[in-house]
Amino acid sequence: HGTVSIRTGAVEPDITAMSLAIPTGGKLGMAVSIIGPDYRFTKQARGEHQTSLLNTVDALVRELRINGEDFTS
């Protein structure tokens, strides 16, 4: 797993985004992001969002065979 990135105020002062890169092994860069109003990113919610991002990336890697660069067309 990579590191979940968290940014607040990059586009609007009250918007927060969390994202996690999907490990593709080279050619294509992909990430999954959650974006919303800052008040929905409390400390507890951030932990829940991080777990959701990790689970989603794991499922995508598994289902799309991303590490093997298959992407099941």
N, C-alpha and C. Protein backbone atom coordinates (compact mmCIF):
# COMPACT_ATOMS: atom_id res chain seq x y z
N HIS A 1 0.83 -1.20 0.00
CA HIS A 1 0.00 0.00 0.00
C HIS A 1 0.86 1.24 0.00
N GLY A 2 0.31 2.27 -0.61
CA GLY A 2 0.96 3.57 -0.56
C GLY A 2 0.44 4.34 0.64
N THR A 3 0.65 5.63 0.60
CA THR A 3 0.22 6.51 1.67
C THR A 3 -1.01 7.27 1.23
N VAL A 4 -2.00 7.36 2.09
CA VAL A 4 -3.19 8.16 1.80
C VAL A 4 -2.81 9.62 1.96
N SER A 5 -3.06 10.41 0.92
CA SER A 5 -2.77 11.85 0.95
C SER A 5 -4.03 12.60 1.32
N ILE A 6 -3.88 13.63 2.16
CA ILE A 6 -5.00 14.46 2.59
C ILE A 6 -4.64 15.91 2.33
N ARG A 7 -5.54 16.62 1.62
CA ARG A 7 -5.32 18.05 1.35
C ARG A 7 -6.60 18.81 1.62
N THR A 8 -6.46 19.93 2.29
CA THR A 8 -7.59 20.82 2.53
C THR A 8 -7.25 22.19 1.97
N GLY A 9 -8.21 22.79 1.28
CA GLY A 9 -8.03 24.14 0.79
C GLY A 9 -7.23 24.28 -0.49
N ALA A 10 -6.95 23.21 -1.19
CA ALA A 10 -6.16 23.31 -2.42
C ALA A 10 -6.94 24.02 -3.53
N VAL A 11 -8.24 23.79 -3.59
CA VAL A 11 -9.07 24.43 -4.61
C VAL A 11 -10.01 25.44 -3.98
N GLU A 12 -10.68 25.02 -2.91
CA GLU A 12 -11.58 25.88 -2.15
C GLU A 12 -11.19 25.74 -0.68
N PRO A 13 -11.31 26.80 0.12
CA PRO A 13 -10.84 26.74 1.50
C PRO A 13 -11.55 25.71 2.37
N ASP A 14 -12.79 25.34 2.04
CA ASP A 14 -13.55 24.42 2.89
C ASP A 14 -13.75 23.05 2.26
N ILE A 15 -12.91 22.69 1.29
CA ILE A 15 -12.99 21.39 0.62
C ILE A 15 -11.75 20.56 0.97
N THR A 16 -11.99 19.30 1.32
CA THR A 16 -10.91 18.37 1.64
C THR A 16 -10.95 17.20 0.68
N ALA A 17 -9.78 16.69 0.33
CA ALA A 17 -9.68 15.52 -0.54
C ALA A 17 -8.71 14.53 0.09
N MET A 18 -9.05 13.26 -0.03
CA MET A 18 -8.16 12.17 0.39
C MET A 18 -7.98 11.29 -0.84
N SER A 19 -6.77 10.86 -1.10
CA SER A 19 -6.55 10.01 -2.27
C SER A 19 -5.47 8.97 -1.98
N LEU A 20 -5.54 7.89 -2.75
CA LEU A 20 -4.58 6.80 -2.63
C LEU A 20 -4.26 6.31 -4.03
N ALA A 21 -2.98 6.28 -4.35
CA ALA A 21 -2.55 5.81 -5.67
C ALA A 21 -2.77 4.31 -5.78
N ILE A 22 -3.07 3.87 -7.00
CA ILE A 22 -3.20 2.45 -7.30
C ILE A 22 -1.88 2.00 -7.90
N PRO A 23 -1.25 0.99 -7.30
CA PRO A 23 0.05 0.54 -7.82
C PRO A 23 -0.12 -0.19 -9.15
N THR A 24 0.41 0.40 -10.22
CA THR A 24 0.23 -0.18 -11.55
C THR A 24 1.49 -0.79 -12.11
N GLY A 25 2.60 -0.59 -11.48
CA GLY A 25 3.83 -1.17 -11.98
C GLY A 25 4.46 -0.39 -13.11
N GLY A 26 4.01 0.81 -13.38
CA GLY A 26 4.74 1.57 -14.37
C GLY A 26 3.98 2.51 -15.27
N LYS A 27 3.34 2.02 -16.29
CA LYS A 27 2.88 2.83 -17.41
C LYS A 27 1.80 3.85 -17.07
N LEU A 28 0.77 3.44 -16.38
CA LEU A 28 -0.40 4.28 -16.20
C LEU A 28 -0.53 4.67 -14.73
N GLY A 29 -0.73 5.95 -14.46
CA GLY A 29 -0.94 6.41 -13.09
C GLY A 29 -2.42 6.53 -12.79
N MET A 30 -2.86 5.92 -11.69
CA MET A 30 -4.26 5.97 -11.30
C MET A 30 -4.35 6.20 -9.80
N ALA A 31 -5.46 6.79 -9.37
CA ALA A 31 -5.70 6.99 -7.94
C ALA A 31 -7.20 6.97 -7.69
N VAL A 32 -7.57 6.68 -6.45
CA VAL A 32 -8.95 6.77 -6.00
C VAL A 32 -9.00 7.92 -5.01
N SER A 33 -10.01 8.79 -5.15
CA SER A 33 -10.12 9.97 -4.28
C SER A 33 -11.50 10.09 -3.67
N ILE A 34 -11.54 10.69 -2.49
CA ILE A 34 -12.78 11.07 -1.83
C ILE A 34 -12.67 12.58 -1.62
N ILE A 35 -13.68 13.32 -2.07
CA ILE A 35 -13.64 14.78 -1.98
C ILE A 35 -14.96 15.26 -1.39
N GLY A 36 -14.88 16.23 -0.48
CA GLY A 36 -16.10 16.76 0.10
C GLY A 36 -15.83 17.94 1.01
N PRO A 37 -16.90 18.45 1.64
CA PRO A 37 -16.75 19.58 2.55
C PRO A 37 -15.89 19.19 3.76
N ASP A 38 -15.08 20.12 4.20
CA ASP A 38 -14.14 19.87 5.29
C ASP A 38 -14.81 19.33 6.55
N TYR A 39 -16.02 19.78 6.87
CA TYR A 39 -16.67 19.33 8.10
C TYR A 39 -17.00 17.83 8.08
N ARG A 40 -16.96 17.19 6.93
CA ARG A 40 -17.19 15.74 6.84
C ARG A 40 -15.90 14.94 6.99
N PHE A 41 -14.80 15.61 7.26
CA PHE A 41 -13.50 14.95 7.40
C PHE A 41 -12.96 15.14 8.82
N THR A 42 -13.78 14.82 9.81
CA THR A 42 -13.32 14.85 11.20
C THR A 42 -12.23 13.79 11.37
N LYS A 43 -11.58 13.80 12.50
CA LYS A 43 -10.52 12.81 12.75
C LYS A 43 -11.08 11.39 12.62
N GLN A 44 -12.24 11.13 13.21
CA GLN A 44 -12.85 9.80 13.13
C GLN A 44 -13.24 9.47 11.68
N ALA A 45 -13.85 10.42 10.99
CA ALA A 45 -14.26 10.18 9.61
C ALA A 45 -13.06 9.94 8.71
N ARG A 46 -11.96 10.65 8.95
CA ARG A 46 -10.76 10.43 8.13
C ARG A 46 -10.26 8.99 8.26
N GLY A 47 -10.32 8.44 9.47
CA GLY A 47 -9.93 7.05 9.67
C GLY A 47 -10.83 6.10 8.88
N GLU A 48 -12.13 6.38 8.90
CA GLU A 48 -13.09 5.56 8.15
C GLU A 48 -12.86 5.71 6.65
N HIS A 49 -12.64 6.94 6.20
CA HIS A 49 -12.38 7.17 4.77
C HIS A 49 -11.10 6.47 4.33
N GLN A 50 -10.07 6.52 5.18
CA GLN A 50 -8.81 5.86 4.84
C GLN A 50 -9.02 4.36 4.67
N THR A 51 -9.77 3.75 5.59
CA THR A 51 -10.07 2.33 5.48
C THR A 51 -10.81 2.03 4.18
N SER A 52 -11.78 2.88 3.83
CA SER A 52 -12.53 2.70 2.58
C SER A 52 -11.62 2.80 1.36
N LEU A 53 -10.72 3.77 1.37
CA LEU A 53 -9.79 3.91 0.24
C LEU A 53 -8.89 2.68 0.12
N LEU A 54 -8.35 2.21 1.22
CA LEU A 54 -7.48 1.02 1.19
C LEU A 54 -8.24 -0.20 0.68
N ASN A 55 -9.47 -0.40 1.15
CA ASN A 55 -10.28 -1.53 0.70
C ASN A 55 -10.63 -1.42 -0.78
N THR A 56 -10.95 -0.22 -1.23
CA THR A 56 -11.30 -0.01 -2.63
C THR A 56 -10.11 -0.27 -3.54
N VAL A 57 -8.95 0.25 -3.18
CA VAL A 57 -7.75 0.03 -3.99
C VAL A 57 -7.41 -1.46 -4.02
N ASP A 58 -7.50 -2.14 -2.89
CA ASP A 58 -7.25 -3.58 -2.86
C ASP A 58 -8.19 -4.32 -3.81
N ALA A 59 -9.47 -3.97 -3.78
CA ALA A 59 -10.45 -4.62 -4.65
C ALA A 59 -10.16 -4.35 -6.12
N LEU A 60 -9.80 -3.11 -6.45
CA LEU A 60 -9.49 -2.78 -7.85
C LEU A 60 -8.27 -3.55 -8.34
N VAL A 61 -7.24 -3.60 -7.51
CA VAL A 61 -6.03 -4.33 -7.89
C VAL A 61 -6.36 -5.80 -8.14
N ARG A 62 -7.17 -6.37 -7.26
CA ARG A 62 -7.54 -7.78 -7.37
C ARG A 62 -8.44 -8.03 -8.59
N GLU A 63 -9.49 -7.23 -8.75
CA GLU A 63 -10.47 -7.44 -9.81
C GLU A 63 -9.94 -7.11 -11.20
N LEU A 64 -9.13 -6.08 -11.30
CA LEU A 64 -8.63 -5.66 -12.61
C LEU A 64 -7.25 -6.23 -12.92
N ARG A 65 -6.71 -7.01 -12.00
CA ARG A 65 -5.38 -7.61 -12.17
C ARG A 65 -4.35 -6.53 -12.50
N ILE A 66 -4.41 -5.43 -11.78
CA ILE A 66 -3.60 -4.25 -12.08
C ILE A 66 -2.11 -4.52 -11.97
N ASN A 67 -1.67 -5.23 -10.98
CA ASN A 67 -0.23 -5.45 -10.83
C ASN A 67 0.35 -6.23 -12.00
N GLY A 68 -0.47 -7.01 -12.68
CA GLY A 68 -0.01 -7.74 -13.86
C GLY A 68 -0.30 -6.98 -15.14
N GLU A 69 -0.74 -5.72 -15.04
CA GLU A 69 -1.04 -4.85 -16.18
C GLU A 69 -2.07 -5.45 -17.14
N ASP A 70 -3.05 -6.22 -16.64
CA ASP A 70 -4.07 -6.82 -17.49
C ASP A 70 -5.20 -5.84 -17.78
N PHE A 71 -5.77 -5.23 -16.76
CA PHE A 71 -6.89 -4.28 -16.82
C PHE A 71 -8.14 -4.88 -17.45
N THR A 72 -8.19 -6.19 -17.63
CA THR A 72 -9.32 -6.95 -18.16
C THR A 72 -10.24 -6.14 -19.07
N SER A 73 -9.84 -6.02 -20.30
CA SER A 73 -10.61 -5.24 -21.29
C SER A 73 -11.93 -5.78 -21.56
